[in-house]
Amino acid sequence: MRTVDGREMGNYSADWFLYNEAMWVLKKYRSKRTRQEYLGKVRGNRGEEQMQRLRDEMLLLWQWKEGQKNGASTAS
């Protein structure tokens, strides 16, 4: 499967799950505070490493989205 930012990954892979969770969090939790609360729950349930991976994925997608707003071309 191809992500919105152009990365290829298997649709049953852990990376695909992480990508979809990050997309879901960014859509559902609109404020920084609510996103941080969600990440805090992830830290409590899954640990620091998994929280950091999700945070990094969310940041990557947010930066891509901001680049699109500012006229960056889409990945092919």
N, C-alpha and C. Protein backbone atom coordinates (compact mmCIF):
# COMPACT_ATOMS: atom_id res chain seq x y z
N MET A 1 0.84 -1.18 0.00
CA MET A 1 0.00 0.00 0.00
C MET A 1 0.88 1.24 0.00
N ARG A 2 0.34 2.29 -0.56
CA ARG A 2 1.06 3.56 -0.60
C ARG A 2 0.40 4.55 0.35
N THR A 3 1.20 5.21 1.17
CA THR A 3 0.68 6.20 2.11
C THR A 3 0.47 7.53 1.39
N VAL A 4 -0.21 8.46 2.05
CA VAL A 4 -0.47 9.76 1.44
C VAL A 4 0.82 10.50 1.12
N ASP A 5 1.86 10.23 1.89
CA ASP A 5 3.14 10.89 1.64
C ASP A 5 4.07 10.09 0.74
N GLY A 6 3.54 9.00 0.13
CA GLY A 6 4.29 8.29 -0.90
C GLY A 6 5.09 7.08 -0.45
N ARG A 7 5.08 6.72 0.81
CA ARG A 7 5.82 5.55 1.28
C ARG A 7 5.06 4.28 0.92
N GLU A 8 5.80 3.22 0.62
CA GLU A 8 5.21 1.91 0.33
C GLU A 8 5.37 1.01 1.55
N MET A 9 4.29 0.32 1.90
CA MET A 9 4.36 -0.64 3.01
C MET A 9 3.26 -1.67 2.85
N GLY A 10 3.48 -2.84 3.39
CA GLY A 10 2.48 -3.90 3.33
C GLY A 10 1.26 -3.56 4.15
N ASN A 11 0.08 -3.91 3.64
CA ASN A 11 -1.13 -3.50 4.34
C ASN A 11 -1.44 -4.36 5.57
N TYR A 12 -0.62 -5.34 5.88
CA TYR A 12 -0.76 -6.10 7.12
C TYR A 12 0.46 -5.92 8.01
N SER A 13 1.30 -4.95 7.70
CA SER A 13 2.53 -4.75 8.47
C SER A 13 2.28 -3.87 9.69
N ALA A 14 3.21 -3.94 10.63
CA ALA A 14 3.15 -3.09 11.82
C ALA A 14 3.26 -1.63 11.43
N ASP A 15 4.04 -1.33 10.38
CA ASP A 15 4.18 0.05 9.91
C ASP A 15 2.85 0.60 9.40
N TRP A 16 2.10 -0.25 8.69
CA TRP A 16 0.79 0.17 8.17
C TRP A 16 -0.18 0.46 9.32
N PHE A 17 -0.17 -0.39 10.34
CA PHE A 17 -1.00 -0.18 11.51
C PHE A 17 -0.64 1.14 12.18
N LEU A 18 0.66 1.38 12.36
CA LEU A 18 1.13 2.61 12.98
C LEU A 18 0.72 3.83 12.17
N TYR A 19 0.89 3.76 10.87
CA TYR A 19 0.50 4.86 9.97
C TYR A 19 -0.99 5.17 10.12
N ASN A 20 -1.83 4.13 10.10
CA ASN A 20 -3.27 4.34 10.21
C ASN A 20 -3.67 4.88 11.58
N GLU A 21 -3.01 4.42 12.63
CA GLU A 21 -3.31 4.96 13.95
C GLU A 21 -2.93 6.44 14.02
N ALA A 22 -1.78 6.79 13.46
CA ALA A 22 -1.35 8.19 13.46
C ALA A 22 -2.34 9.06 12.68
N MET A 23 -2.79 8.58 11.53
CA MET A 23 -3.78 9.33 10.76
C MET A 23 -5.07 9.51 11.56
N TRP A 24 -5.50 8.45 12.23
CA TRP A 24 -6.72 8.50 13.03
C TRP A 24 -6.60 9.52 14.16
N VAL A 25 -5.47 9.49 14.87
CA VAL A 25 -5.27 10.42 15.98
C VAL A 25 -5.28 11.86 15.47
N LEU A 26 -4.61 12.12 14.36
CA LEU A 26 -4.56 13.48 13.83
C LEU A 26 -5.94 13.97 13.40
N LYS A 27 -6.81 13.08 12.95
CA LYS A 27 -8.17 13.47 12.56
C LYS A 27 -9.09 13.61 13.76
N LYS A 28 -9.00 12.69 14.70
CA LYS A 28 -9.94 12.65 15.83
C LYS A 28 -9.60 13.70 16.88
N TYR A 29 -8.34 13.84 17.23
CA TYR A 29 -7.92 14.74 18.28
C TYR A 29 -7.31 15.99 17.63
N ARG A 30 -8.07 17.05 17.62
CA ARG A 30 -7.68 18.23 16.86
C ARG A 30 -6.72 19.17 17.61
N SER A 31 -6.72 19.13 18.93
CA SER A 31 -5.85 20.05 19.67
C SER A 31 -4.58 19.34 20.14
N LYS A 32 -3.56 20.13 20.36
CA LYS A 32 -2.29 19.59 20.85
C LYS A 32 -2.50 18.89 22.20
N ARG A 33 -3.32 19.47 23.06
CA ARG A 33 -3.56 18.91 24.38
C ARG A 33 -4.19 17.52 24.29
N THR A 34 -5.21 17.37 23.45
CA THR A 34 -5.88 16.07 23.36
C THR A 34 -4.97 15.02 22.71
N ARG A 35 -4.13 15.44 21.79
CA ARG A 35 -3.17 14.51 21.18
C ARG A 35 -2.14 14.07 22.21
N GLN A 36 -1.69 15.00 23.04
CA GLN A 36 -0.73 14.65 24.09
C GLN A 36 -1.35 13.70 25.11
N GLU A 37 -2.64 13.92 25.43
CA GLU A 37 -3.33 13.01 26.35
C GLU A 37 -3.39 11.60 25.75
N TYR A 38 -3.69 11.50 24.47
CA TYR A 38 -3.73 10.19 23.81
C TYR A 38 -2.37 9.52 23.87
N LEU A 39 -1.33 10.29 23.56
CA LEU A 39 0.02 9.73 23.61
C LEU A 39 0.39 9.29 25.02
N GLY A 40 -0.08 10.01 26.02
CA GLY A 40 0.15 9.61 27.41
C GLY A 40 -0.49 8.26 27.72
N LYS A 41 -1.69 8.04 27.18
CA LYS A 41 -2.35 6.75 27.37
C LYS A 41 -1.59 5.63 26.66
N VAL A 42 -1.09 5.93 25.47
CA VAL A 42 -0.29 4.94 24.75
C VAL A 42 0.96 4.59 25.56
N ARG A 43 1.60 5.61 26.13
CA ARG A 43 2.81 5.37 26.95
C ARG A 43 2.46 4.45 28.12
N GLY A 44 1.34 4.71 28.78
CA GLY A 44 0.94 3.90 29.93
C GLY A 44 0.59 2.47 29.56
N ASN A 45 -0.01 2.27 28.38
CA ASN A 45 -0.45 0.94 27.97
C ASN A 45 0.59 0.15 27.20
N ARG A 46 1.37 0.82 26.38
CA ARG A 46 2.30 0.12 25.48
C ARG A 46 3.77 0.41 25.74
N GLY A 47 4.05 1.45 26.51
CA GLY A 47 5.44 1.78 26.83
C GLY A 47 5.96 2.98 26.06
N GLU A 48 7.09 3.44 26.52
CA GLU A 48 7.73 4.65 25.97
C GLU A 48 8.10 4.49 24.49
N GLU A 49 8.67 3.35 24.14
CA GLU A 49 9.14 3.16 22.76
C GLU A 49 7.99 3.23 21.76
N GLN A 50 6.87 2.55 22.08
CA GLN A 50 5.73 2.57 21.16
C GLN A 50 5.09 3.95 21.09
N MET A 51 5.06 4.65 22.23
CA MET A 51 4.54 6.02 22.22
C MET A 51 5.40 6.90 21.33
N GLN A 52 6.71 6.76 21.43
CA GLN A 52 7.63 7.58 20.63
C GLN A 52 7.48 7.27 19.14
N ARG A 53 7.32 6.00 18.80
CA ARG A 53 7.13 5.63 17.39
C ARG A 53 5.86 6.27 16.82
N LEU A 54 4.76 6.23 17.61
CA LEU A 54 3.52 6.84 17.17
C LEU A 54 3.68 8.36 17.06
N ARG A 55 4.32 8.96 18.02
CA ARG A 55 4.55 10.41 17.99
C ARG A 55 5.36 10.80 16.75
N ASP A 56 6.40 10.05 16.46
CA ASP A 56 7.24 10.34 15.29
C ASP A 56 6.43 10.22 13.99
N GLU A 57 5.58 9.20 13.91
CA GLU A 57 4.74 9.01 12.72
C GLU A 57 3.75 10.16 12.58
N MET A 58 3.16 10.57 13.69
CA MET A 58 2.22 11.70 13.67
C MET A 58 2.93 12.97 13.20
N LEU A 59 4.12 13.19 13.71
CA LEU A 59 4.89 14.38 13.33
C LEU A 59 5.24 14.35 11.84
N LEU A 60 5.64 13.19 11.34
CA LEU A 60 5.96 13.05 9.93
C LEU A 60 4.75 13.39 9.06
N LEU A 61 3.58 12.86 9.41
CA LEU A 61 2.37 13.12 8.64
C LEU A 61 1.93 14.57 8.76
N TRP A 62 2.07 15.15 9.94
CA TRP A 62 1.70 16.55 10.13
C TRP A 62 2.61 17.46 9.28
N GLN A 63 3.90 17.16 9.27
CA GLN A 63 4.84 17.96 8.47
C GLN A 63 4.52 17.82 6.99
N TRP A 64 4.17 16.62 6.54
CA TRP A 64 3.80 16.41 5.14
C TRP A 64 2.56 17.24 4.80
N LYS A 65 1.57 17.20 5.69
CA LYS A 65 0.33 17.96 5.46
C LYS A 65 0.62 19.45 5.39
N GLU A 66 1.45 19.95 6.27
CA GLU A 66 1.81 21.37 6.25
C GLU A 66 2.55 21.72 4.97
N GLY A 67 3.40 20.83 4.50
CA GLY A 67 4.10 21.05 3.23
C GLY A 67 3.14 21.13 2.07
N GLN A 68 2.07 20.31 2.10
CA GLN A 68 1.06 20.35 1.05
C GLN A 68 0.31 21.68 1.07
N LYS A 69 0.04 22.18 2.24
CA LYS A 69 -0.65 23.48 2.37
C LYS A 69 0.20 24.60 1.79
N ASN A 70 1.52 24.44 1.92
CA ASN A 70 2.43 25.49 1.47
C ASN A 70 2.90 25.29 0.03
N GLY A 71 2.25 24.39 -0.70
CA GLY A 71 2.53 24.26 -2.13
C GLY A 71 3.57 23.25 -2.52
N ALA A 72 3.98 22.37 -1.62
CA ALA A 72 4.95 21.33 -1.98
C ALA A 72 4.27 20.34 -2.92
N SER A 73 5.03 19.77 -3.83
CA SER A 73 4.45 18.78 -4.75
C SER A 73 4.21 17.47 -4.03
N THR A 74 3.27 16.67 -4.54
CA THR A 74 2.97 15.38 -3.93
C THR A 74 4.03 14.37 -4.31
N ALA A 75 4.23 13.38 -3.44
CA ALA A 75 5.19 12.31 -3.72
C ALA A 75 4.59 11.39 -4.77
N SER A 76 5.45 10.78 -5.59
CA SER A 76 4.94 9.86 -6.61
C SER A 76 5.33 8.45 -6.32
